[in-house]
Protein backbone atom coordinates (compact mmCIF):
# COMPACT_ATOMS: atom_id res chain seq x y z
CA MET A 1 0.00 0.00 0.00
CA LYS A 2 2.93 2.34 0.40
CA LYS A 3 3.09 2.71 -3.38
CA VAL A 4 -0.52 3.86 -3.44
CA LEU A 5 0.50 6.71 -1.15
CA THR A 6 2.61 8.26 -3.89
CA VAL A 7 -0.55 8.90 -5.89
CA ILE A 8 -2.29 10.57 -2.99
CA PHE A 9 -0.02 13.53 -2.70
CA MET A 10 -0.27 14.97 -6.20
CA LEU A 11 -0.28 18.75 -6.00
CA SER A 12 0.69 18.67 -2.31
CA LEU A 13 3.14 21.16 -0.87
CA ALA A 14 6.79 20.44 -1.61
CA SER A 15 8.46 18.06 0.80
CA ILE A 16 11.13 18.90 3.32
CA ILE A 17 13.51 16.49 1.65
CA PHE A 18 12.96 18.02 -1.77
CA ALA A 19 13.42 21.54 -0.43
CA GLN A 20 16.66 20.60 1.27
CA ARG A 21 18.04 19.24 -1.98
CA HIS A 22 16.88 21.99 -4.25
CA GLY A 23 16.73 25.15 -2.16
CA ASP A 24 13.68 27.39 -2.43
CA ARG A 25 12.59 26.20 -5.87
CA ASP A 26 9.70 24.48 -4.09
CA ARG A 27 8.11 25.55 -0.85
CA ALA A 28 9.05 23.53 2.23
CA ILE A 29 6.67 22.26 4.90
CA ASP A 30 7.38 23.44 8.42
CA THR A 31 7.84 20.42 10.69
CA ILE A 32 5.99 20.22 13.98
CA SER A 33 5.95 17.79 16.91
CA VAL A 34 2.88 17.82 19.15
CA SER A 35 1.16 15.59 21.70
CA GLY A 36 -2.38 15.49 22.98
CA THR A 37 -5.75 13.75 22.80
CA ALA A 38 -7.15 12.43 19.54
CA ILE A 39 -10.63 13.60 18.57
CA VAL A 40 -12.21 11.39 15.90
CA VAL A 41 -15.39 12.51 14.12
CA GLN A 42 -16.99 9.51 12.39
CA ASN A 43 -19.11 10.57 9.44
CA ASP A 44 -20.27 7.03 8.67
CA SER A 45 -18.89 3.49 8.80
CA THR A 46 -15.98 4.29 6.46
CA HIS A 47 -15.25 8.02 6.75
CA ALA A 48 -13.61 9.72 9.71
CA LYS A 49 -11.86 13.01 10.38
CA TYR A 50 -9.04 13.27 12.89
CA TYR A 51 -8.14 16.15 15.19
CA LEU A 52 -5.72 16.81 18.06
CA ASP A 53 -6.59 18.51 21.35
CA GLU A 54 -3.19 19.68 22.57
CA ASP A 55 -4.17 21.35 25.86
CA GLY A 56 -6.92 19.01 27.09
CA ASP A 57 -9.76 21.54 26.93
CA GLY A 58 -11.86 19.41 24.57
CA VAL A 59 -11.32 21.77 21.63
CA ALA A 60 -9.10 20.69 18.75
CA GLU A 61 -6.07 22.83 17.91
CA TYR A 62 -5.10 20.84 14.79
CA HIS A 63 -6.64 18.76 12.04
CA LEU A 64 -4.60 15.58 11.40
CA SER A 65 -4.20 14.40 7.81
CA PHE A 66 -3.58 10.65 7.66
CA GLY A 67 -4.37 10.49 3.94
CA PRO A 68 -7.35 8.83 2.26
CA ARG A 69 -9.27 6.11 4.08
CA TRP A 70 -7.61 3.28 2.16
CA TYR A 71 -4.02 4.16 3.13
CA THR A 72 -2.04 2.17 5.70
CA PRO A 73 1.78 2.01 5.87
CA ASP A 74 3.39 -1.29 4.88
CA SER A 75 6.69 -0.65 6.67
CA SER A 76 5.32 -0.22 10.21
CA ASP A 77 2.45 -1.39 12.38
CA ALA A 78 1.16 2.17 12.93
CA VAL A 79 -2.62 2.57 12.94
CA ARG A 80 -5.00 5.50 13.04
CA PRO A 81 -5.94 6.58 16.57
CA GLU A 82 -9.23 5.97 18.35
CA ASP A 83 -11.24 8.80 19.83
CA GLY A 84 -9.71 9.76 23.18
CA ASP A 85 -6.29 8.16 22.58
CA ILE A 86 -3.23 10.04 23.86
CA ILE A 87 -0.91 10.41 20.86
CA SER A 88 2.33 12.05 19.75
CA ILE A 89 2.55 13.35 16.18
CA LEU A 90 5.48 14.36 14.01
CA GLY A 91 4.39 15.98 10.77
CA GLY A 92 4.32 18.89 8.37
CA LEU A 93 2.23 21.96 9.11
CA LEU A 94 -0.15 22.98 6.31
CA ASP A 95 -2.62 25.81 5.85
CA HIS A 96 -5.69 23.81 4.81
CA ARG A 97 -8.22 25.97 2.98
CA ARG A 98 -11.13 23.74 4.01
CA MET A 99 -10.45 23.76 7.74
CA ASP A 100 -10.84 26.49 10.36
CA ARG A 101 -7.63 25.27 12.00
CA GLU A 102 -4.14 24.29 10.86
CA THR A 103 -3.56 20.83 9.39
CA ILE A 104 -0.69 18.52 10.26
CA LEU A 105 0.38 16.14 7.51
CA VAL A 106 1.27 13.09 9.64
CA PHE A 107 4.75 11.58 9.14
CA GLU A 108 4.95 9.63 12.41
CA ILE A 109 2.44 8.65 15.09
CA ASN A 110 3.68 7.56 18.53
CA GLY A 111 7.19 7.22 17.12
CA ARG A 112 6.09 4.84 14.34
CA PHE A 113 6.46 5.62 10.65
CA TRP A 114 3.26 6.66 8.89
CA ARG A 115 4.38 8.18 5.57
CA ASP A 116 7.15 10.13 3.88
CA PRO A 117 6.83 13.72 2.72
CA TYR A 118 6.51 13.75 -1.05
CA VAL A 119 7.58 16.02 -3.86
CA SER A 120 4.87 18.36 -5.06
CA ASN A 121 3.20 17.94 -8.41
CA TRP A 122 2.61 21.23 -10.19
CA ASN A 123 0.63 20.42 -13.26
CA ASN A 124 -1.60 17.37 -12.75
CA MET A 125 0.62 15.21 -14.98
CA GLY A 126 2.53 13.17 -12.41
CA ARG A 127 5.14 14.14 -9.86
CA HIS A 128 7.39 17.01 -10.85
CA ASN A 129 10.63 15.00 -11.05
CA LYS A 130 13.87 16.89 -11.55
CA HIS A 131 16.28 14.08 -12.36
CA ARG A 132 15.27 10.99 -14.31
CA GLY A 133 18.62 9.47 -15.12
CA ASP A 134 18.57 6.38 -17.31
CA ARG A 135 14.83 5.93 -17.03
CA HIS A 136 14.36 7.96 -20.19
CA ARG A 137 17.30 7.14 -22.43
CA GLY A 138 19.81 8.94 -20.21
CA ARG A 139 18.20 12.36 -20.42
CA ARG A 140 18.70 14.20 -17.17
CA ASN A 141 15.62 16.38 -17.03
CA HIS A 142 13.66 16.32 -20.26
CA GLY A 143 10.22 17.84 -20.56
CA PHE A 144 6.98 16.00 -19.97
CA GLY A 145 5.43 15.15 -23.32
CA TRP A 146 8.81 14.65 -24.99
CA ASP A 147 8.17 10.92 -25.25
CA HIS A 148 4.40 11.15 -25.59
CA ASP A 149 3.25 11.34 -29.18
CA SER A 150 -0.12 9.72 -28.54
CA LEU A 151 -2.37 8.30 -25.85
CA THR A 152 -4.02 4.89 -25.78
CA THR A 153 -7.78 5.40 -25.70
CA LEU A 154 -9.67 3.07 -23.39
CA SER A 155 -13.13 2.67 -21.87
CA VAL A 156 -13.40 1.57 -18.24
CA SER A 157 -16.09 1.40 -15.59
CA GLY A 158 -15.90 1.31 -11.84
CA THR A 159 -16.43 3.25 -8.64
CA ALA A 160 -15.18 6.80 -8.09
CA ILE A 161 -12.89 7.30 -5.09
CA ILE A 162 -12.22 10.87 -3.97
CA ASP A 163 -9.33 11.98 -1.80
CA THR A 164 -10.22 15.23 0.01
CA THR A 165 -6.97 15.44 1.98
CA TYR A 166 -5.85 18.72 0.43
CA TYR A 167 -7.31 21.96 -0.87
CA MET A 168 -8.71 20.28 -3.95
CA ASP A 169 -10.28 16.87 -4.58
CA TYR A 170 -8.34 14.09 -6.33
CA TYR A 171 -10.30 11.49 -8.26
CA TYR A 172 -9.51 7.80 -8.69
CA LEU A 173 -11.24 4.81 -10.22
CA ASP A 174 -11.66 1.46 -8.50
CA VAL A 175 -12.44 -1.07 -11.24
CA ASP A 176 -12.30 -4.27 -9.16
CA SER A 177 -14.30 -3.14 -6.11
CA ASP A 178 -11.44 -3.69 -3.64
CA GLY A 179 -11.61 -0.15 -2.25
CA THR A 180 -8.23 0.93 -3.65
CA PRO A 181 -7.41 2.99 -6.76
CA ASP A 182 -6.62 1.35 -10.09
CA TYR A 183 -6.44 4.62 -12.07
CA PHE A 184 -6.00 8.29 -11.35
CA LEU A 185 -8.70 10.28 -13.18
CA ASN A 186 -7.37 13.53 -14.60
CA PHE A 187 -10.32 15.91 -14.89
CA GLY A 188 -7.98 18.87 -15.18
CA PRO A 189 -7.41 21.60 -12.59
CA TYR A 190 -10.21 22.25 -10.15
CA TRP A 191 -11.31 25.40 -12.01
CA TYR A 192 -11.86 23.51 -15.29
CA GLN A 193 -15.53 23.09 -16.25
CA PRO A 194 -16.65 21.51 -19.55
CA GLU A 195 -19.13 23.30 -21.76
CA SER A 196 -21.30 20.16 -21.84
CA GLY A 197 -22.37 20.74 -18.26
CA ALA A 198 -20.94 17.43 -17.08
CA VAL A 199 -19.93 17.46 -13.41
CA ARG A 200 -17.30 15.52 -11.49
CA PRO A 201 -18.62 12.36 -9.81
CA GLU A 202 -19.48 11.91 -6.14
CA ASP A 203 -17.42 9.60 -3.94
CA GLY A 204 -18.70 6.05 -4.40
CA ALA A 205 -20.58 6.80 -7.62
CA ALA A 206 -20.59 4.25 -10.44
CA VAL A 207 -18.96 5.85 -13.48
CA ASP A 208 -18.16 5.03 -17.10
CA ILE A 209 -14.98 6.68 -18.37
CA VAL A 210 -13.57 7.13 -21.86
CA GLY A 211 -10.11 8.63 -21.86
CA GLY A 212 -6.46 8.51 -22.79
CA GLU A 213 -4.27 6.23 -20.70
CA LEU A 214 -0.95 7.66 -19.66
CA THR A 215 1.93 6.11 -17.73
CA THR A 216 3.61 8.69 -15.50
CA SER A 217 5.88 8.60 -12.47
CA MET A 218 2.84 7.74 -10.36
CA ASP A 219 2.22 4.17 -9.27
CA VAL A 220 -1.15 3.72 -10.97
CA PRO A 221 -1.91 4.66 -14.57
CA MET A 222 -3.52 8.00 -15.31
CA ILE A 223 -6.58 8.45 -17.48
CA ILE A 224 -7.07 11.89 -19.03
CA VAL A 225 -10.86 11.97 -19.13
CA TYR A 226 -12.56 12.57 -22.48
CA GLU A 227 -16.07 11.40 -21.59
CA LEU A 228 -17.85 10.90 -18.28
CA ASN A 229 -21.00 8.78 -18.29
CA GLY A 230 -21.50 9.49 -21.98
CA GLU A 231 -21.06 13.28 -21.65
CA LEU A 232 -18.16 15.11 -23.27
CA TRP A 233 -15.58 16.26 -20.76
CA ARG A 234 -12.90 17.50 -23.14
CA ASP A 235 -11.93 17.20 -26.79
CA SER A 236 -9.05 14.74 -27.00
CA SER A 237 -7.57 16.61 -29.97
CA SER A 238 -6.97 19.69 -27.78
CA ILE A 239 -4.09 17.93 -26.01
CA GLY A 240 -1.85 18.19 -29.04
CA ARG A 241 0.99 15.95 -30.11
CA HIS A 242 3.25 16.58 -27.10
CA PHE A 243 0.70 17.77 -24.51
CA GLY A 244 0.89 21.30 -25.84
CA GLY A 245 4.68 21.26 -26.09
CA GLY A 246 6.95 20.93 -29.10
CA TRP A 247 10.26 21.69 -30.73
CA LEU A 248 11.80 24.98 -31.77
CA VAL A 249 14.46 24.78 -34.48
CA GLY A 250 16.86 27.51 -35.45
CA ASP A 251 16.00 27.54 -39.15
CA MET A 252 12.20 27.26 -38.82
CA ASP A 253 10.41 29.31 -41.47
CA SER A 254 7.27 30.25 -39.47
CA SER A 255 6.20 31.06 -35.94
CA ARG A 256 5.28 28.27 -33.52
CA THR A 257 2.71 28.37 -30.71
CA PHE A 258 2.72 26.16 -27.62
CA HIS A 259 -0.18 25.94 -25.18
CA SER A 260 -1.11 24.49 -21.82
CA THR A 261 -2.90 21.15 -21.86
CA PHE A 262 -6.35 22.24 -20.68
CA ASP A 263 -6.67 25.71 -22.18
CA ARG A 264 -5.38 26.75 -25.58
CA GLY A 265 -5.87 30.35 -24.47
CA ASP A 266 -2.74 29.87 -22.35
CA ASN A 267 0.03 29.98 -24.93
CA ILE A 268 3.32 31.44 -26.06
CA THR A 269 4.25 32.13 -29.66
CA VAL A 270 7.91 32.04 -30.72
CA HIS A 271 8.92 33.67 -34.00
CA THR A 272 11.55 32.93 -36.60
CA GLY A 273 15.03 34.11 -35.69
CA TRP A 274 14.43 33.31 -32.01
CA ASN A 275 18.01 32.18 -31.51
CA ASN A 276 19.57 34.54 -34.06
CA ARG A 277 21.15 31.38 -35.50
CA GLY A 278 23.21 30.61 -32.43
CA GLY A 279 23.36 34.05 -30.81
CA HIS A 280 23.86 34.70 -27.12
CA GLY A 281 21.18 35.27 -24.51
CA GLY A 282 21.06 38.06 -21.99
CA MET A 283 21.12 35.99 -18.79
CA GLY A 284 24.82 35.51 -18.15
CA GLY A 285 25.46 35.32 -21.89
CA ASN A 286 23.58 32.05 -22.31
CA HIS A 287 24.21 30.47 -25.68
CA LEU A 288 20.95 29.65 -27.43
CA PRO A 289 21.13 26.19 -29.03
CA ASP A 290 19.89 25.18 -32.46
CA SER A 291 16.85 23.42 -31.02
CA LEU A 292 14.74 23.53 -27.85
CA PHE A 293 11.80 21.52 -26.58
CA CYS A 294 9.28 24.05 -25.26
CA GLN A 295 6.47 23.28 -22.84
CA MET A 296 3.96 25.31 -20.86
CA PHE A 297 1.74 24.23 -17.98
CA GLU A 298 -0.88 26.08 -16.01
CA THR A 299 -0.09 25.21 -12.42
CA ILE A 300 -1.75 25.33 -9.02
CA PRO A 301 -1.41 28.79 -7.39
CA GLU A 302 -1.18 27.26 -3.91
CA ASP A 303 2.05 25.48 -4.91
CA ILE A 304 3.89 28.62 -6.03
CA PRO A 305 6.83 29.43 -3.71
CA ASN A 306 7.39 32.90 -2.23
CA ARG A 307 3.73 33.79 -2.68
CA ASP A 308 3.13 35.35 0.74
CA GLY A 309 1.12 38.55 0.56
CA MET A 310 0.08 37.98 -3.06
CA ASN A 311 -3.37 36.91 -4.23
CA ILE A 312 -2.18 34.66 -7.06
CA PHE A 313 -5.16 33.32 -9.01
CA ALA A 314 -3.36 31.81 -12.03
CA SER A 315 0.19 30.56 -12.45
CA TYR A 316 2.27 29.11 -15.26
CA GLU A 317 5.45 27.10 -15.62
CA ILE A 318 7.49 27.48 -18.81
CA ASN A 319 10.40 25.19 -19.62
CA MET A 320 12.91 25.08 -22.46
CA PHE A 321 14.89 21.82 -22.79
CA THR A 322 17.97 21.23 -24.89
CA SER A 323 18.27 18.02 -26.93
CA ASP A 324 20.33 16.38 -24.16
CA GLY A 325 17.59 17.03 -21.60
CA ARG A 326 19.01 20.11 -19.86
CA ASN A 327 16.40 22.61 -18.74
CA MET A 328 17.50 26.11 -19.74
CA MET A 329 15.01 27.54 -17.24
CA THR A 330 16.65 26.17 -14.09
CA ASP A 331 20.18 26.42 -12.77
CA ASP A 332 22.30 23.73 -11.12
CA ARG A 333 20.37 24.16 -7.88
CA MET A 334 17.08 23.78 -9.75
CA MET A 335 16.21 27.39 -9.04
CA ASN A 336 13.91 29.08 -11.56
CA GLU A 337 15.67 31.43 -13.98
CA TYR A 338 15.01 33.33 -17.15
CA PHE A 339 16.99 33.98 -20.28
CA ARG A 340 16.67 36.23 -23.29
CA PHE A 341 15.66 35.25 -26.80
CA ALA A 342 16.91 37.11 -29.88
CA ASN A 343 13.43 38.59 -30.46
CA ASN A 344 10.14 38.99 -28.63
CA ILE A 345 7.89 36.09 -27.65
CA ASP A 346 4.13 36.75 -27.54
CA TYR A 347 2.43 35.60 -24.32
CA SER A 348 -1.28 35.02 -23.84
CA PHE A 349 -2.89 33.85 -20.60
CA HIS A 350 -6.59 33.04 -20.30
CA TYR A 351 -8.32 32.87 -16.92
CA SER A 352 -11.82 31.62 -16.19
CA ASP A 353 -14.71 33.26 -14.34
CA LEU A 354 -14.46 30.45 -11.80
CA GLN A 355 -10.87 31.46 -11.02
CA ILE A 356 -12.01 35.05 -10.56
CA GLU A 357 -14.74 33.92 -8.15
CA THR A 358 -12.53 31.42 -6.31
CA TYR A 359 -9.81 33.93 -5.53
CA ASP A 360 -12.05 37.03 -5.21
CA VAL A 361 -10.13 38.86 -7.92
CA ASP A 362 -10.50 42.57 -8.63
CA GLU A 363 -10.06 42.47 -12.42
CA SER A 364 -9.13 46.15 -12.54
CA ARG A 365 -6.01 45.36 -10.48
CA ILE A 366 -4.58 42.34 -12.34
CA LYS A 367 -0.80 42.25 -12.66
CA VAL A 368 1.61 39.87 -14.39
CA LYS A 369 4.73 39.00 -12.40
CA TYR A 370 7.74 36.71 -12.59
CA TRP A 371 10.18 35.66 -9.86
CA ASP A 372 13.66 37.16 -10.19
CA GLU A 373 16.31 35.16 -8.31
CA VAL A 374 18.77 38.07 -8.47
CA SER A 375 16.53 40.53 -6.65
CA ALA A 376 14.76 37.72 -4.72
CA ASP A 377 11.46 39.38 -5.48
CA TRP A 378 8.54 39.37 -7.91
CA GLU A 379 8.99 41.71 -10.88
CA THR A 380 5.98 43.23 -12.64
CA VAL A 381 5.54 42.90 -16.42
CA ASP A 382 3.90 45.58 -18.57
CA ALA A 383 0.84 43.67 -19.86
CA THR A 384 -2.59 44.31 -21.39
CA VAL A 385 -5.68 42.94 -19.60
CA ASN A 386 -8.89 42.32 -21.54
CA ALA A 387 -11.40 41.78 -18.71
CA GLU A 388 -14.23 41.11 -21.18
CA LEU A 389 -12.42 38.14 -22.75
CA ASN A 390 -10.47 37.18 -19.60
CA ILE A 391 -7.17 37.39 -21.47
CA VAL A 392 -3.81 38.88 -20.46
CA THR A 393 -1.22 39.51 -23.17
CA PHE A 394 2.29 40.91 -23.44
CA SER A 395 5.45 40.51 -25.51
CA SER A 396 8.99 40.15 -24.23
CA SER A 397 12.30 38.66 -25.26
CA ASP A 398 12.80 37.44 -21.68
CA VAL A 399 11.48 33.95 -20.88
CA SER A 400 10.86 33.22 -17.20
CA ASN A 401 10.33 29.80 -15.63
CA ILE A 402 7.44 30.90 -13.41
CA ILE A 403 4.88 33.57 -14.35
CA VAL A 404 1.86 34.43 -12.21
CA LEU A 405 -1.29 36.51 -12.44
CA SER A 406 -2.15 38.29 -9.21
CA ALA A 407 -4.64 40.93 -8.16
CA SER A 408 -6.12 42.70 -5.18
CA LYS A 409 -8.71 40.60 -3.40
CA ILE A 410 -12.38 41.50 -3.17
CA THR A 411 -14.09 40.39 0.02
CA ALA A 412 -17.64 39.06 0.10
CA VAL A 413 -19.86 41.43 -1.88
CA GLU A 414 -22.54 43.07 0.18
CA ASP A 415 -25.21 45.45 -1.15
CA GLU A 416 -27.01 47.56 1.45
CA THR A 417 -30.44 48.97 0.63
CA THR A 418 -31.69 52.33 1.89
CA ALA A 419 -34.99 51.05 3.37
CA LEU A 420 -34.64 49.98 7.02
CA PRO A 421 -36.24 46.59 7.81
CA THR A 422 -38.49 46.09 10.82
CA GLU A 423 -37.18 42.67 11.85
CA PHE A 424 -34.09 40.49 12.00
CA SER A 425 -34.38 37.80 9.30
CA LEU A 426 -32.39 35.27 7.30
CA SER A 427 -33.69 34.30 3.86
CA GLN A 428 -33.26 31.01 2.03
CA ASN A 429 -30.21 31.15 -0.22
CA TYR A 430 -30.79 31.38 -3.96
CA PRO A 431 -30.31 29.52 -6.15
CA ASN A 432 -30.69 26.37 -4.09
CA PRO A 433 -29.36 23.79 -4.92
CA PHE A 434 -26.42 25.76 -6.30
CA ASN A 435 -23.11 25.27 -8.14
CA PRO A 436 -20.76 26.84 -7.25
CA SER A 437 -22.13 30.24 -6.11
CA THR A 438 -25.24 31.32 -4.26
CA LYS A 439 -26.60 34.45 -2.57
CA ILE A 440 -27.62 34.78 1.07
CA GLU A 441 -29.82 37.69 2.18
CA TYR A 442 -30.38 38.90 5.71
CA THR A 443 -31.92 41.94 7.37
CA LEU A 444 -31.14 43.82 10.58
CA SER A 445 -33.73 45.94 12.37
CA ASN A 446 -31.02 47.56 14.50
CA ASN A 447 -27.25 47.99 14.53
CA ALA A 448 -25.46 44.84 15.72
CA GLN A 449 -22.31 42.74 15.65
CA VAL A 450 -23.00 40.16 12.93
CA THR A 451 -21.40 36.81 12.10
CA LEU A 452 -22.50 34.73 9.13
CA THR A 453 -20.89 31.29 9.09
CA VAL A 454 -21.17 28.17 6.90
CA TYR A 455 -20.86 24.65 8.35
CA ASN A 456 -20.76 21.21 6.76
CA ILE A 457 -23.05 18.33 7.71
CA VAL A 458 -20.86 17.28 10.67
CA GLY A 459 -20.66 20.78 12.09
CA GLU A 460 -17.22 21.82 10.86
CA LYS A 461 -16.86 25.47 9.93
CA VAL A 462 -16.01 25.83 6.22
CA ALA A 463 -16.40 29.58 5.72
CA THR A 464 -16.94 32.84 7.61
CA LEU A 465 -18.75 35.26 5.30
CA VAL A 466 -19.38 38.13 7.72
CA ASN A 467 -17.82 39.00 11.06
CA GLU A 468 -18.21 42.70 11.75
CA TYR A 469 -20.43 45.42 13.17
CA LYS A 470 -23.31 46.28 10.82
CA ASN A 471 -25.82 49.07 10.66
CA ALA A 472 -29.53 48.28 10.41
CA GLY A 473 -30.46 47.40 6.84
CA ALA A 474 -30.81 44.65 4.25
CA TYR A 475 -27.75 42.83 2.95
CA THR A 476 -26.83 40.31 0.25
CA VAL A 477 -23.73 38.14 0.53
CA ASN A 478 -22.21 36.07 -2.27
CA PHE A 479 -20.97 32.63 -1.22
CA ASN A 480 -18.63 30.75 -3.57
CA ALA A 481 -18.30 27.03 -2.76
CA SER A 482 -16.06 25.99 -5.65
CA GLN A 483 -13.55 24.49 -3.20
CA LEU A 484 -16.16 22.38 -1.39
CA SER A 485 -17.60 18.98 -2.21
CA SER A 486 -21.24 18.36 -3.05
CA GLY A 487 -23.49 17.93 -0.06
CA VAL A 488 -25.68 19.60 2.54
CA TYR A 489 -24.39 22.69 4.34
CA PHE A 490 -25.83 24.97 7.01
CA TYR A 491 -25.47 28.73 7.24
CA GLU A 492 -25.89 30.45 10.58
CA ILE A 493 -26.28 34.13 11.37
CA LYS A 494 -25.81 35.62 14.82
CA ALA A 495 -26.70 39.19 15.74
CA ASP A 496 -26.53 40.16 19.41
CA ALA A 497 -28.34 37.31 21.23
CA ILE A 498 -30.34 36.11 18.20
CA ARG A 499 -29.34 33.09 16.13
CA LEU A 500 -30.91 31.82 12.88
CA VAL A 501 -29.90 28.75 10.83
CA LYS A 502 -30.90 27.51 7.37
CA LYS A 503 -29.90 24.58 5.18
CA MET A 504 -28.57 24.68 1.59
CA SER A 505 -27.41 22.09 -0.95
CA LEU A 506 -24.29 22.22 -3.12
CA LEU A 507 -24.77 20.05 -6.21
CA LYS A 508 -21.75 19.69 -8.50
């Protein structure tokens, strides 16, 4: 079962081990050692959530992440704790977006091995390995898609298994009903939504999948989903020959465009004369080779290092590999770099409305930035933003490994009317059921300290929408649940000594 664990931690934070080897190229987890009483909340016969009460007051200080329900270590006899057990935990401290408290990624329990920290995956295509050695014909670090000219299309049926350990859900397929994954289902990043209206399956749902099978560095095969239960999820032809990547050659007679795998609107266009037939670059006089393999991935904003204080809502990784597998975009320490082409490259980044809603983006304040290792800071790029088409464009001869879109954050939108209500009330949210956004209206007959909170079915707080002093009036609050799973939720409003609660349903 230890091999299955490798699959679980796709898109997790970078591991301590990886960060020690490669510096700040990936963000490290802060280690923590704590002891206390285990609190176990049993949702049903198979699902449980684990917490730690460190000071014995009956209130949990930490959420404990032991991984999906099917994981057990094969190199120790460690087991999950029972409610009330006194335990000692060694783990990595995470900021879990779905919890109202910090999460500890468990490495050891009571001195026994539970799991290793794992390298982060940035782009939903398998772990982000830096050195591959002889596994791929001796190339040290060649780009994903280099050896992938085509995918094997297959049709499979089984039961959906969802891992909710992290800030997004990971989907697997159990085809033999043994409760463990046989395939990882790649539905794309969590903000991707197909035009067909198809929705991701619920945990335990019976599903029919048509997709492209892909062998990656994970321990179960990946299926890039084309159809879900007979509905189109994505056009298989949009992947391209090398997953959006391809080769630049010095004597090419026309421009070439490379795009990210799930959105052709994310692309870079390189023009003829890009290497000036063997000229020198601007970053330390880098010599531009006769050919480069170019790839571009849209990545997970939460995995971007050095992002403190920035509301990053879209992020991109660009790599340029020489024919011997050397990545021109990273140095010997695997730190992200940039270098200069002989002429300008045209950049185009497309963001979705769901990304805007998820990260509360003020579109009038969008900026394009790249990380500069020399200044150890984010540098701003002069770019054009088309808010109507959700497209950001710019041209530059500099190519950076990591580029992000960031913006000021808009808090929950509230519209106050001029008419003063005569009572304190909480209306039913609308629409209901909803996906992923809904509106909640409430009225105050007098000035009061107001809190508006959302809880899941087991009483865990998942969002605080309002927590401030309000004047008498009528208010509307937007609630975006794109990061939550389908199910029943409760929203509670408190004003002075009055408390009102209503139920709503998220249906994805």
